[in-house]
């Protein structure tokens, strides 16, 4: 078997076929950076409505007469603002951008929704559109 492989290799070389072990891998690269990217959440309005109602109810418990009305309005406003902020915070997302310098000189970025173990300097390869370590 070894003799067959050696004979085949010799025949290929004599025929002009050259095997270049240093050939560039088109799907290979090196991680240059990993960055956490925070995206501020958006509020649809439900938090402001619920917060406004809760704040108005709590504000209504304070004082009587005109003071009661003022407290109700102030409580509703403060509750609406707080509810809006809570909803935005709840909808905030963080993704992780892994930047790759490909062996062919191009730059690629892969985004992950969960924290990843890739770090700058890791040798990687793209297989079926997914990033894997070499």
Protein backbone atom coordinates (compact mmCIF):
# COMPACT_ATOMS: atom_id res chain seq x y z
CA UNK A 1 0.00 0.00 0.00
CA UNK A 2 2.82 2.41 0.93
CA UNK A 3 4.55 1.55 -2.32
CA UNK A 4 1.38 2.34 -4.31
CA UNK A 5 1.04 5.75 -2.64
CA UNK A 6 4.71 6.56 -3.24
CA UNK A 7 4.46 5.46 -6.88
CA UNK A 8 1.29 7.51 -7.43
CA UNK A 9 2.87 10.61 -5.83
CA UNK A 10 6.00 10.23 -7.96
CA UNK A 11 3.89 9.86 -11.11
CA UNK A 12 1.88 13.00 -10.30
CA UNK A 13 5.03 15.02 -9.61
CA UNK A 14 6.70 13.84 -12.83
CA UNK A 15 3.56 14.77 -14.76
CA UNK A 16 3.83 18.35 -13.52
CA UNK A 17 1.26 18.26 -10.75
CA UNK A 18 2.44 20.21 -7.74
CA UNK A 19 0.84 19.95 -4.36
CA UNK A 20 1.15 23.28 -2.55
CA UNK A 21 0.72 22.67 1.16
CA UNK A 22 0.77 26.41 1.82
CA UNK A 23 -2.23 27.03 -0.43
CA UNK A 24 -4.56 29.71 0.87
CA UNK A 25 -7.71 28.54 2.59
CA UNK A 26 -10.56 30.72 1.29
CA UNK A 27 -12.74 29.92 4.29
CA UNK A 28 -10.07 30.38 6.96
CA UNK A 29 -9.23 33.42 9.03
CA UNK A 30 -8.26 34.89 12.39
CA UNK A 31 -10.53 36.50 14.97
CA UNK A 32 -9.52 40.16 15.29
CA UNK A 33 -12.04 41.21 17.95
CA UNK A 34 -15.11 40.21 19.90
CA UNK A 35 -17.43 43.04 20.93
CA UNK A 36 -20.64 43.13 22.96
CA UNK A 37 -23.18 45.30 21.11
CA UNK A 38 -26.09 46.63 23.17
CA UNK A 39 -29.25 47.67 21.41
CA UNK A 40 -31.61 49.89 23.35
CA UNK A 41 -35.03 48.38 23.73
CA UNK A 42 -38.12 49.92 22.23
CA UNK A 43 -41.31 50.60 24.12
CA UNK A 44 -44.69 49.95 22.56
CA UNK A 45 -46.63 52.05 25.05
CA UNK A 46 -48.06 49.34 27.28
CA UNK A 47 -45.54 50.11 30.02
CA UNK A 48 -46.48 53.80 29.98
CA UNK A 49 -50.20 53.03 30.16
CA UNK A 50 -49.87 50.54 33.01
CA UNK A 51 -47.41 52.81 34.84
CA UNK A 52 -49.70 55.81 34.37
CA UNK A 53 -52.68 53.96 35.80
CA UNK A 54 -50.69 52.66 38.78
CA UNK A 55 -49.17 56.10 39.41
CA UNK A 56 -52.56 57.77 39.19
CA UNK A 57 -54.08 55.34 41.67
CA UNK A 58 -51.22 55.85 44.11
CA UNK A 59 -51.30 59.63 43.66
CA UNK A 60 -55.04 59.67 44.32
CA UNK A 61 -54.39 58.25 47.80
CA UNK A 62 -52.63 61.51 48.76
CA UNK A 63 -54.42 64.62 50.07
CA UNK A 64 -57.91 65.88 49.35
CA UNK A 65 -59.53 68.50 47.09
CA UNK A 66 -57.18 70.26 44.65
CA UNK A 67 -54.14 68.62 46.28
CA UNK A 68 -55.65 65.24 45.56
CA UNK A 69 -56.17 66.13 41.89
CA UNK A 70 -52.63 67.45 41.57
CA UNK A 71 -51.20 64.33 43.24
CA UNK A 72 -53.26 62.09 40.95
CA UNK A 73 -52.02 63.89 37.80
CA UNK A 74 -48.39 63.96 39.03
CA UNK A 75 -48.57 60.27 39.99
CA UNK A 76 -49.96 59.35 36.59
CA UNK A 77 -47.21 61.28 34.80
CA UNK A 78 -44.43 59.82 36.94
CA UNK A 79 -45.91 56.32 36.62
CA UNK A 80 -46.17 56.61 32.84
CA UNK A 81 -42.53 57.71 32.56
CA UNK A 82 -41.35 54.93 34.88
CA UNK A 83 -43.42 52.32 33.04
CA UNK A 84 -42.00 53.47 29.71
CA UNK A 85 -38.41 53.16 31.00
CA UNK A 86 -39.05 49.72 32.49
CA UNK A 87 -40.48 48.48 29.18
CA UNK A 88 -37.49 49.81 27.25
CA UNK A 89 -35.05 48.18 29.66
CA UNK A 90 -36.91 44.87 29.44
CA UNK A 91 -36.67 44.91 25.62
CA UNK A 92 -32.93 45.77 25.56
CA UNK A 93 -30.77 43.19 23.77
CA UNK A 94 -27.06 42.39 23.67
CA UNK A 95 -25.43 40.61 20.75
CA UNK A 96 -21.80 39.63 20.33
CA UNK A 97 -19.98 40.61 17.13
CA UNK A 98 -17.03 38.37 16.22
CA UNK A 99 -14.87 40.10 13.60
CA UNK A 100 -12.71 37.93 11.34
CA UNK A 101 -9.80 38.83 9.06
CA UNK A 102 -9.98 36.17 6.37
CA UNK A 103 -6.80 34.68 4.88
CA UNK A 104 -7.78 36.17 1.51
CA UNK A 105 -7.76 39.68 3.07
CA UNK A 106 -11.52 40.19 3.39
CA UNK A 107 -13.23 41.08 6.67
CA UNK A 108 -16.29 39.19 7.95
CA UNK A 109 -18.46 39.64 11.02
CA UNK A 110 -20.52 36.94 12.73
CA UNK A 111 -23.18 37.95 15.27
CA UNK A 112 -24.16 35.72 18.17
CA UNK A 113 -27.13 36.27 20.48
CA UNK A 114 -25.33 34.58 23.38
CA UNK A 115 -21.86 35.25 24.73
CA UNK A 116 -19.23 33.30 22.82
CA UNK A 117 -15.87 31.78 23.75
CA UNK A 118 -14.11 33.13 20.64
CA UNK A 119 -11.31 35.59 21.36
CA UNK A 120 -8.87 37.68 19.35
CA UNK A 121 -6.19 35.51 17.78
CA UNK A 122 -8.31 32.36 17.41
CA UNK A 123 -7.85 30.58 14.07
CA UNK A 124 -11.27 29.85 12.56
CA UNK A 125 -12.88 28.40 9.47
CA UNK A 126 -16.31 28.95 7.95
CA UNK A 127 -18.07 25.62 7.40
CA UNK A 128 -21.60 25.62 5.95
CA UNK A 129 -21.96 29.30 6.84
CA UNK A 130 -21.01 28.71 10.48
CA UNK A 131 -17.87 29.69 12.35
CA UNK A 132 -15.73 26.83 13.77
CA UNK A 133 -12.30 26.71 15.38
CA UNK A 134 -9.46 25.19 13.41
